[in-house]
């Protein structure tokens, strides 16, 4: 998995990676949160909290990623 983008939040940094097959994956705390054909789908789904479950790294509580200020536009993310 090649990391392409990152976005830092109050609970940690989220990443967008690309697999060898060319699919895009939101990643948090070394957990793959889904697989998407387009990069914009990965960031948009993460910003709307419709990826696989995300747990807080310290408390283990379920996080609502739509409340973390993650931009849906991949151009607002930092390149890795």
C-alpha atoms as a PDB file:
ATOM      1  CA  UNK A   1       0.000   0.000   0.000  1.00  0.00           C
ATOM      2  CA  UNK A   2       1.391   3.365  -1.019  1.00  0.00           C
ATOM      3  CA  UNK A   3       0.263   6.299   1.125  1.00  0.00           C
ATOM      4  CA  UNK A   4      -0.808   9.286  -0.971  1.00  0.00           C
ATOM      5  CA  UNK A   5      -2.628  11.743   1.299  1.00  0.00           C
ATOM      6  CA  UNK A   6      -2.902  12.556   4.995  1.00  0.00           C
ATOM      7  CA  UNK A   7      -5.241  14.622   7.143  1.00  0.00           C
ATOM      8  CA  UNK A   8      -4.567  15.289  10.823  1.00  0.00           C
ATOM      9  CA  UNK A   9      -7.497  15.399  13.274  1.00  0.00           C
ATOM     10  CA  UNK A  10      -7.748  15.703  17.056  1.00  0.00           C
ATOM     11  CA  UNK A  11      -7.803  11.893  17.372  1.00  0.00           C
ATOM     12  CA  UNK A  12      -4.966  11.161  14.954  1.00  0.00           C
ATOM     13  CA  UNK A  13      -3.987  11.228  11.316  1.00  0.00           C
ATOM     14  CA  UNK A  14      -6.076   9.675   8.568  1.00  0.00           C
ATOM     15  CA  UNK A  15      -4.462   8.540   5.335  1.00  0.00           C
ATOM     16  CA  UNK A  16      -5.520   7.646   1.831  1.00  0.00           C
ATOM     17  CA  UNK A  17      -3.487   4.844   0.337  1.00  0.00           C
ATOM     18  CA  UNK A  18      -3.462   3.176  -3.055  1.00  0.00           C
ATOM     19  CA  UNK A  19      -3.109  -0.584  -3.443  1.00  0.00           C
ATOM     20  CA  UNK A  20      -1.162  -2.305  -6.216  1.00  0.00           C
ATOM     21  CA  UNK A  21      -4.518  -2.966  -7.885  1.00  0.00           C
ATOM     22  CA  UNK A  22      -5.071   0.810  -8.121  1.00  0.00           C
ATOM     23  CA  UNK A  23      -7.872   1.045  -5.545  1.00  0.00           C
ATOM     24  CA  UNK A  24      -7.969   3.782  -2.897  1.00  0.00           C
ATOM     25  CA  UNK A  25      -8.211   3.029   0.826  1.00  0.00           C
ATOM     26  CA  UNK A  26      -8.947   5.296   3.799  1.00  0.00           C
ATOM     27  CA  UNK A  27      -6.615   4.257   6.637  1.00  0.00           C
ATOM     28  CA  UNK A  28      -6.570   5.111  10.335  1.00  0.00           C
ATOM     29  CA  UNK A  29      -4.375   3.627  13.048  1.00  0.00           C
ATOM     30  CA  UNK A  30      -3.062   1.087  10.495  1.00  0.00           C
ATOM     31  CA  UNK A  31      -6.617  -0.105   9.800  1.00  0.00           C
ATOM     32  CA  UNK A  32      -7.956  -0.251   6.238  1.00  0.00           C
ATOM     33  CA  UNK A  33     -11.415   1.339   6.283  1.00  0.00           C
ATOM     34  CA  UNK A  34     -12.609   0.393   2.792  1.00  0.00           C
ATOM     35  CA  UNK A  35     -11.740   0.123  -0.880  1.00  0.00           C
ATOM     36  CA  UNK A  36     -12.799   2.554  -3.597  1.00  0.00           C
ATOM     37  CA  UNK A  37     -12.266   2.881  -7.332  1.00  0.00           C
ATOM     38  CA  UNK A  38     -11.736   6.672  -7.154  1.00  0.00           C
ATOM     39  CA  UNK A  39      -9.777   8.753  -4.638  1.00  0.00           C
ATOM     40  CA  UNK A  40     -12.660  11.206  -4.188  1.00  0.00           C
ATOM     41  CA  UNK A  41     -14.907   8.337  -3.100  1.00  0.00           C
ATOM     42  CA  UNK A  42     -12.511   7.393  -0.309  1.00  0.00           C
ATOM     43  CA  UNK A  43     -12.319  10.922   1.126  1.00  0.00           C
ATOM     44  CA  UNK A  44     -16.016  11.627   0.681  1.00  0.00           C
ATOM     45  CA  UNK A  45     -17.129   8.401   2.370  1.00  0.00           C
ATOM     46  CA  UNK A  46     -14.737   9.037   5.265  1.00  0.00           C
ATOM     47  CA  UNK A  47     -15.991  12.618   5.691  1.00  0.00           C
ATOM     48  CA  UNK A  48     -19.594  11.301   5.862  1.00  0.00           C
ATOM     49  CA  UNK A  49     -18.819   8.419   8.295  1.00  0.00           C
ATOM     50  CA  UNK A  50     -19.792   5.655   5.877  1.00  0.00           C
ATOM     51  CA  UNK A  51     -16.567   3.620   5.939  1.00  0.00           C
ATOM     52  CA  UNK A  52     -15.802   0.609   8.112  1.00  0.00           C
ATOM     53  CA  UNK A  53     -15.979   1.377  11.850  1.00  0.00           C
ATOM     54  CA  UNK A  54     -13.300   3.656  13.273  1.00  0.00           C
ATOM     55  CA  UNK A  55     -12.267   3.265  16.903  1.00  0.00           C
ATOM     56  CA  UNK A  56     -10.633   5.947  19.049  1.00  0.00           C
ATOM     57  CA  UNK A  57      -6.983   4.899  19.462  1.00  0.00           C
ATOM     58  CA  UNK A  58      -6.950   5.574  23.228  1.00  0.00           C
ATOM     59  CA  UNK A  59     -10.450   4.766  24.464  1.00  0.00           C
ATOM     60  CA  UNK A  60     -11.608   2.179  21.934  1.00  0.00           C
ATOM     61  CA  UNK A  61     -14.876   4.108  21.552  1.00  0.00           C
ATOM     62  CA  UNK A  62     -16.563   4.156  18.161  1.00  0.00           C
ATOM     63  CA  UNK A  63     -15.844   7.426  16.315  1.00  0.00           C
ATOM     64  CA  UNK A  64     -18.131   9.367  14.019  1.00  0.00           C
ATOM     65  CA  UNK A  65     -15.709  10.567  11.337  1.00  0.00           C
ATOM     66  CA  UNK A  66     -18.264  13.091  10.054  1.00  0.00           C
ATOM     67  CA  UNK A  67     -17.646  15.094  13.263  1.00  0.00           C
ATOM     68  CA  UNK A  68     -13.857  15.292  12.860  1.00  0.00           C
ATOM     69  CA  UNK A  69     -13.738  18.007  10.200  1.00  0.00           C
ATOM     70  CA  UNK A  70     -12.330  15.692   7.544  1.00  0.00           C
ATOM     71  CA  UNK A  71     -12.738  17.374   4.142  1.00  0.00           C
ATOM     72  CA  UNK A  72     -14.512  15.411   1.448  1.00  0.00           C
ATOM     73  CA  UNK A  73     -12.443  17.119  -1.256  1.00  0.00           C
ATOM     74  CA  UNK A  74      -9.206  15.173  -1.605  1.00  0.00           C
ATOM     75  CA  UNK A  75      -7.464  18.362  -2.793  1.00  0.00           C
ATOM     76  CA  UNK A  76      -7.743  19.717   0.792  1.00  0.00           C
ATOM     77  CA  UNK A  77      -5.629  16.838   2.112  1.00  0.00           C
ATOM     78  CA  UNK A  78      -1.824  16.971   2.429  1.00  0.00           C
ATOM     79  CA  UNK A  79       0.273  14.942  -0.014  1.00  0.00           C
ATOM     80  CA  UNK A  80       2.490  12.349   1.683  1.00  0.00           C
END
